[in-house]
N, C-alpha and C. Protein backbone atom coordinates (compact mmCIF):
# COMPACT_ATOMS: atom_id res chain seq x y z
N MET A 1 -25.04 -149.19 291.56
CA MET A 1 -26.24 -148.87 290.82
C MET A 1 -26.42 -147.36 290.84
N GLU A 2 -26.71 -146.78 289.67
CA GLU A 2 -26.91 -145.33 289.61
C GLU A 2 -28.22 -144.94 290.27
N THR A 3 -28.37 -143.68 290.59
CA THR A 3 -29.59 -143.21 291.23
C THR A 3 -30.46 -142.45 290.24
N GLY A 4 -31.70 -142.20 290.62
CA GLY A 4 -32.60 -141.46 289.76
C GLY A 4 -33.02 -142.25 288.54
N GLY A 5 -33.14 -143.55 288.67
CA GLY A 5 -33.46 -144.41 287.55
C GLY A 5 -34.80 -144.11 286.92
N ASP A 6 -34.91 -144.43 285.64
CA ASP A 6 -36.15 -144.28 284.91
C ASP A 6 -36.71 -145.68 284.68
N SER A 7 -38.00 -145.84 284.90
CA SER A 7 -38.66 -147.12 284.66
C SER A 7 -40.13 -146.87 284.40
N ASN A 8 -40.82 -147.90 283.97
CA ASN A 8 -42.26 -147.79 283.83
C ASN A 8 -42.96 -148.59 284.92
N ALA A 9 -42.35 -148.61 286.11
CA ALA A 9 -42.94 -149.31 287.25
C ALA A 9 -44.35 -148.79 287.51
N GLY A 10 -45.27 -149.72 287.72
CA GLY A 10 -46.66 -149.38 287.98
C GLY A 10 -47.54 -149.45 286.74
N GLU A 11 -46.92 -149.54 285.57
CA GLU A 11 -47.70 -149.62 284.33
C GLU A 11 -48.14 -151.07 284.08
N PRO A 12 -49.23 -151.25 283.32
CA PRO A 12 -49.70 -152.62 283.03
C PRO A 12 -48.74 -153.36 282.11
N CYS A 13 -48.77 -154.68 282.20
CA CYS A 13 -47.94 -155.52 281.33
C CYS A 13 -48.56 -156.90 281.19
N GLN A 14 -48.36 -157.48 280.04
CA GLN A 14 -48.75 -158.86 279.78
C GLN A 14 -47.53 -159.74 279.63
N ASP A 15 -46.38 -159.09 279.45
CA ASP A 15 -45.12 -159.80 279.21
C ASP A 15 -43.98 -158.99 279.82
N GLN A 16 -42.99 -159.66 280.32
CA GLN A 16 -41.85 -159.00 280.96
C GLN A 16 -41.15 -158.03 280.02
N GLU A 17 -41.16 -158.31 278.73
CA GLU A 17 -40.48 -157.44 277.76
C GLU A 17 -41.12 -156.06 277.64
N GLU A 18 -42.35 -155.90 278.15
CA GLU A 18 -43.02 -154.59 278.13
C GLU A 18 -42.50 -153.67 279.22
N CYS A 19 -41.75 -154.20 280.17
CA CYS A 19 -41.26 -153.43 281.31
C CYS A 19 -39.82 -153.02 281.07
N PHE A 20 -39.46 -151.81 281.52
CA PHE A 20 -38.08 -151.35 281.36
C PHE A 20 -37.61 -150.60 282.59
N ALA A 21 -36.31 -150.57 282.76
CA ALA A 21 -35.66 -149.79 283.81
C ALA A 21 -34.28 -149.41 283.30
N SER A 22 -33.88 -148.18 283.58
CA SER A 22 -32.61 -147.70 283.06
C SER A 22 -31.41 -148.22 283.84
N ASN A 23 -31.63 -148.65 285.08
CA ASN A 23 -30.47 -148.98 285.90
C ASN A 23 -30.54 -150.33 286.60
N THR A 24 -31.51 -151.17 286.25
CA THR A 24 -31.62 -152.47 286.90
C THR A 24 -32.54 -153.37 286.09
N PHE A 25 -32.73 -154.57 286.55
CA PHE A 25 -33.59 -155.55 285.91
C PHE A 25 -35.06 -155.18 286.11
N ALA A 26 -35.85 -155.22 285.05
CA ALA A 26 -37.29 -154.95 285.14
C ALA A 26 -38.06 -156.27 285.04
N ALA A 27 -39.21 -156.31 285.68
CA ALA A 27 -40.02 -157.53 285.68
C ALA A 27 -41.49 -157.17 285.61
N CYS A 28 -42.32 -158.16 285.29
CA CYS A 28 -43.77 -158.01 285.27
C CYS A 28 -44.37 -158.92 286.32
N PHE A 29 -45.13 -158.33 287.25
CA PHE A 29 -45.97 -159.13 288.16
C PHE A 29 -47.25 -159.38 287.38
N TYR A 30 -47.53 -160.62 287.08
CA TYR A 30 -48.63 -160.97 286.19
C TYR A 30 -49.98 -161.01 286.90
N GLU A 31 -51.05 -160.79 286.11
CA GLU A 31 -52.39 -160.92 286.65
C GLU A 31 -52.65 -162.37 287.04
N ASP A 32 -52.32 -163.29 286.16
CA ASP A 32 -52.50 -164.71 286.43
C ASP A 32 -51.14 -165.37 286.33
N PRO A 33 -50.61 -165.94 287.35
CA PRO A 33 -51.24 -166.37 288.59
C PRO A 33 -50.97 -165.45 289.79
N ASP A 34 -50.30 -164.29 289.58
CA ASP A 34 -49.83 -163.48 290.70
C ASP A 34 -50.88 -162.57 291.33
N GLY A 35 -51.98 -162.29 290.61
CA GLY A 35 -53.05 -161.47 291.18
C GLY A 35 -52.89 -159.97 291.01
N TRP A 36 -52.07 -159.53 290.06
CA TRP A 36 -51.87 -158.09 289.81
C TRP A 36 -52.72 -157.70 288.60
N PRO A 37 -53.88 -157.03 288.80
CA PRO A 37 -54.79 -156.72 287.70
C PRO A 37 -54.10 -156.02 286.52
N GLY A 38 -54.22 -156.62 285.34
CA GLY A 38 -53.61 -156.06 284.13
C GLY A 38 -52.11 -156.19 284.10
N GLY A 39 -51.52 -156.88 285.08
CA GLY A 39 -50.06 -156.97 285.19
C GLY A 39 -49.51 -155.68 285.79
N HIS A 40 -48.28 -155.73 286.27
CA HIS A 40 -47.69 -154.58 286.97
C HIS A 40 -46.18 -154.60 286.76
N CYS A 41 -45.66 -153.64 285.97
CA CYS A 41 -44.21 -153.54 285.78
C CYS A 41 -43.56 -153.10 287.09
N THR A 42 -42.38 -153.65 287.34
CA THR A 42 -41.63 -153.28 288.55
C THR A 42 -40.14 -153.50 288.32
N THR A 43 -39.34 -153.03 289.24
CA THR A 43 -37.89 -153.27 289.24
C THR A 43 -37.45 -153.52 290.68
N PHE A 44 -36.34 -154.18 290.83
CA PHE A 44 -35.75 -154.35 292.15
C PHE A 44 -35.13 -153.02 292.57
N CYS A 45 -35.09 -152.76 293.88
CA CYS A 45 -34.51 -151.51 294.36
C CYS A 45 -34.03 -151.67 295.80
N SER A 46 -33.23 -150.70 296.23
CA SER A 46 -32.81 -150.67 297.63
C SER A 46 -33.07 -149.30 298.26
N SER A 47 -33.48 -148.31 297.43
CA SER A 47 -33.84 -146.99 297.95
C SER A 47 -34.83 -146.31 297.00
N HIS A 48 -35.58 -145.34 297.52
CA HIS A 48 -36.56 -144.62 296.72
C HIS A 48 -35.91 -143.93 295.51
N SER A 49 -34.69 -143.42 295.68
CA SER A 49 -34.04 -142.67 294.60
C SER A 49 -33.78 -143.54 293.37
N GLU A 50 -33.73 -144.83 293.53
CA GLU A 50 -33.49 -145.72 292.38
C GLU A 50 -34.74 -145.89 291.51
N CYS A 51 -35.90 -145.47 292.01
CA CYS A 51 -37.15 -145.75 291.31
C CYS A 51 -37.60 -144.64 290.37
N GLY A 52 -37.13 -143.43 290.56
CA GLY A 52 -37.53 -142.34 289.70
C GLY A 52 -38.76 -141.61 290.24
N ALA A 53 -39.15 -140.57 289.54
CA ALA A 53 -40.23 -139.70 289.97
C ALA A 53 -41.56 -140.45 290.04
N GLY A 54 -42.31 -140.19 291.13
CA GLY A 54 -43.63 -140.77 291.29
C GLY A 54 -43.66 -142.22 291.69
N LYS A 55 -42.49 -142.74 292.07
CA LYS A 55 -42.40 -144.15 292.46
C LYS A 55 -41.62 -144.26 293.77
N SER A 56 -41.89 -145.34 294.50
CA SER A 56 -41.21 -145.58 295.77
C SER A 56 -40.67 -147.00 295.81
N CYS A 57 -39.63 -147.20 296.59
CA CYS A 57 -39.07 -148.52 296.81
C CYS A 57 -39.81 -149.14 298.00
N ILE A 58 -40.58 -150.18 297.74
CA ILE A 58 -41.45 -150.78 298.74
C ILE A 58 -40.98 -152.20 299.05
N ALA A 59 -40.81 -152.50 300.34
CA ALA A 59 -40.38 -153.83 300.77
C ALA A 59 -41.60 -154.71 301.02
N PHE A 60 -41.68 -155.84 300.33
CA PHE A 60 -42.71 -156.84 300.57
C PHE A 60 -42.32 -158.12 299.85
N ASP A 61 -42.93 -159.22 300.25
CA ASP A 61 -42.71 -160.54 299.63
C ASP A 61 -41.23 -160.90 299.52
N GLY A 62 -40.43 -160.57 300.53
CA GLY A 62 -39.04 -160.98 300.55
C GLY A 62 -38.10 -160.16 299.70
N GLY A 63 -38.55 -159.02 299.21
CA GLY A 63 -37.68 -158.17 298.40
C GLY A 63 -38.16 -156.73 298.45
N SER A 64 -37.49 -155.86 297.71
CA SER A 64 -37.90 -154.47 297.59
C SER A 64 -38.08 -154.16 296.11
N PHE A 65 -39.22 -153.51 295.79
CA PHE A 65 -39.60 -153.29 294.40
C PHE A 65 -40.09 -151.87 294.21
N CYS A 66 -39.82 -151.29 293.03
CA CYS A 66 -40.35 -149.97 292.69
C CYS A 66 -41.82 -150.11 292.35
N MET A 67 -42.62 -149.25 292.99
CA MET A 67 -44.05 -149.24 292.75
C MET A 67 -44.51 -147.79 292.66
N ARG A 68 -45.66 -147.58 292.03
CA ARG A 68 -46.21 -146.24 291.90
C ARG A 68 -46.58 -145.70 293.27
N SER A 69 -46.10 -144.52 293.63
CA SER A 69 -46.46 -143.86 294.88
C SER A 69 -47.87 -143.29 294.77
N CYS A 70 -48.51 -143.08 295.91
CA CYS A 70 -49.85 -142.51 295.88
C CYS A 70 -50.16 -141.79 297.18
N GLU A 71 -51.13 -140.89 297.10
CA GLU A 71 -51.67 -140.23 298.29
C GLU A 71 -53.09 -140.70 298.53
N SER A 72 -53.77 -141.15 297.45
CA SER A 72 -55.12 -141.69 297.56
C SER A 72 -55.32 -142.69 296.43
N THR A 73 -56.39 -143.46 296.51
CA THR A 73 -56.67 -144.46 295.48
C THR A 73 -56.90 -143.82 294.12
N ARG A 74 -57.30 -142.54 294.08
CA ARG A 74 -57.45 -141.85 292.80
C ARG A 74 -56.14 -141.79 292.02
N ASP A 75 -55.01 -141.92 292.72
CA ASP A 75 -53.70 -141.89 292.06
C ASP A 75 -53.35 -143.22 291.39
N CYS A 76 -54.17 -144.25 291.64
CA CYS A 76 -53.88 -145.60 291.15
C CYS A 76 -54.78 -145.95 289.97
N ARG A 77 -54.33 -146.89 289.17
CA ARG A 77 -55.16 -147.34 288.06
C ARG A 77 -56.23 -148.31 288.56
N PRO A 78 -57.26 -148.59 287.76
CA PRO A 78 -58.35 -149.48 288.19
C PRO A 78 -57.82 -150.84 288.67
N GLY A 79 -58.43 -151.34 289.76
CA GLY A 79 -58.02 -152.62 290.33
C GLY A 79 -56.97 -152.49 291.42
N TYR A 80 -56.52 -151.24 291.67
CA TYR A 80 -55.48 -150.99 292.67
C TYR A 80 -55.99 -149.96 293.67
N SER A 81 -55.50 -150.06 294.90
CA SER A 81 -55.82 -149.11 295.96
C SER A 81 -54.54 -148.54 296.52
N CYS A 82 -54.59 -147.31 296.99
CA CYS A 82 -53.45 -146.70 297.66
C CYS A 82 -53.35 -147.36 299.03
N THR A 83 -52.31 -148.15 299.21
CA THR A 83 -52.17 -149.02 300.37
C THR A 83 -50.95 -148.65 301.19
N PRO A 84 -51.11 -148.49 302.52
CA PRO A 84 -49.92 -148.26 303.35
C PRO A 84 -49.13 -149.55 303.45
N LEU A 85 -47.91 -149.52 302.95
CA LEU A 85 -47.02 -150.68 303.00
C LEU A 85 -45.82 -150.34 303.87
N SER A 86 -44.89 -151.25 303.97
CA SER A 86 -43.79 -151.14 304.93
C SER A 86 -42.98 -149.85 304.82
N THR A 87 -42.73 -149.37 303.62
CA THR A 87 -41.85 -148.21 303.46
C THR A 87 -42.51 -147.06 302.71
N GLY A 88 -43.84 -147.02 302.71
CA GLY A 88 -44.56 -145.93 302.07
C GLY A 88 -45.89 -146.39 301.50
N ASP A 89 -46.67 -145.44 301.02
CA ASP A 89 -47.95 -145.75 300.40
C ASP A 89 -47.73 -146.00 298.91
N ALA A 90 -48.34 -147.08 298.40
CA ALA A 90 -48.17 -147.43 297.00
C ALA A 90 -49.44 -148.06 296.45
N CYS A 91 -49.57 -148.01 295.14
CA CYS A 91 -50.70 -148.64 294.47
C CYS A 91 -50.48 -150.15 294.50
N TYR A 92 -51.39 -150.85 295.14
CA TYR A 92 -51.28 -152.29 295.37
C TYR A 92 -52.63 -152.91 294.99
N PRO A 93 -52.65 -154.15 294.50
CA PRO A 93 -53.93 -154.74 294.10
C PRO A 93 -54.98 -154.63 295.21
N SER A 94 -56.17 -154.17 294.82
CA SER A 94 -57.29 -154.07 295.75
C SER A 94 -57.73 -155.47 296.17
N CYS A 95 -58.10 -155.61 297.44
CA CYS A 95 -58.63 -156.89 297.88
C CYS A 95 -60.09 -156.99 297.45
N THR A 96 -60.52 -158.21 297.21
CA THR A 96 -61.92 -158.46 296.87
C THR A 96 -62.57 -159.43 297.84
N SER A 97 -61.73 -160.09 298.66
CA SER A 97 -62.24 -161.00 299.69
C SER A 97 -61.20 -161.12 300.80
N ASP A 98 -61.60 -161.67 301.93
CA ASP A 98 -60.67 -161.85 303.05
C ASP A 98 -59.51 -162.76 302.67
N ASP A 99 -59.70 -163.62 301.68
CA ASP A 99 -58.63 -164.51 301.22
C ASP A 99 -57.45 -163.74 300.65
N ASN A 100 -57.68 -162.50 300.20
CA ASN A 100 -56.60 -161.67 299.66
C ASN A 100 -55.76 -161.02 300.75
N CYS A 101 -56.20 -161.11 301.99
CA CYS A 101 -55.53 -160.44 303.11
C CYS A 101 -54.77 -161.45 303.96
N SER A 102 -53.75 -160.98 304.63
CA SER A 102 -52.94 -161.86 305.47
C SER A 102 -52.96 -161.38 306.92
N ASN A 103 -52.33 -162.15 307.77
CA ASN A 103 -52.13 -161.78 309.17
C ASN A 103 -53.42 -161.40 309.91
N GLY A 104 -54.52 -162.11 309.63
CA GLY A 104 -55.77 -161.86 310.34
C GLY A 104 -56.51 -160.60 309.92
N LEU A 105 -56.08 -159.97 308.83
CA LEU A 105 -56.76 -158.77 308.35
C LEU A 105 -57.99 -159.17 307.54
N ARG A 106 -58.94 -158.24 307.43
CA ARG A 106 -60.16 -158.47 306.66
C ARG A 106 -60.23 -157.47 305.51
N CYS A 107 -60.85 -157.90 304.43
CA CYS A 107 -60.99 -157.03 303.26
C CYS A 107 -62.14 -156.06 303.44
N ASN A 108 -61.86 -154.78 303.35
CA ASN A 108 -62.89 -153.76 303.28
C ASN A 108 -63.19 -153.58 301.79
N ARG A 109 -64.29 -154.17 301.33
CA ARG A 109 -64.59 -154.17 299.90
C ARG A 109 -64.89 -152.77 299.37
N ASP A 110 -65.26 -151.84 300.23
CA ASP A 110 -65.50 -150.46 299.78
C ASP A 110 -64.21 -149.74 299.43
N SER A 111 -63.18 -149.93 300.25
CA SER A 111 -61.90 -149.26 300.01
C SER A 111 -60.91 -150.11 299.23
N GLY A 112 -61.12 -151.45 299.22
CA GLY A 112 -60.17 -152.35 298.58
C GLY A 112 -58.94 -152.61 299.43
N LEU A 113 -58.99 -152.20 300.71
CA LEU A 113 -57.84 -152.35 301.61
C LEU A 113 -58.06 -153.47 302.62
N CYS A 114 -56.98 -154.15 302.97
CA CYS A 114 -57.02 -155.11 304.06
C CYS A 114 -56.86 -154.34 305.36
N GLU A 115 -57.78 -154.57 306.30
CA GLU A 115 -57.79 -153.80 307.54
C GLU A 115 -57.96 -154.73 308.73
N PRO A 116 -57.58 -154.25 309.94
CA PRO A 116 -57.76 -155.08 311.15
C PRO A 116 -59.24 -155.31 311.46
């Protein structure tokens, strides 16, 4: 797989065909039933360099996916929070209730983050 790929990872989508990647398969994480507000374009990856500028390769849900990188929630589109994930901070759907959080974490409705 080539490096420095171009994609529209992190952009909204209603259909998989709206998502693109220059060097791998692109997909749409849907709002319904997946819980990604407005949909979320992504691609599979194994390193940050495969995702292109402003994106990171984030491991979660049994795989690694390109997602929009962030330093604060202001860097994310509405419905998303800058969330510390396994391999970096990325725009991830904001929680709205404790049901959105796992591993005994609770939803901080002010920040949209799942916290201990």
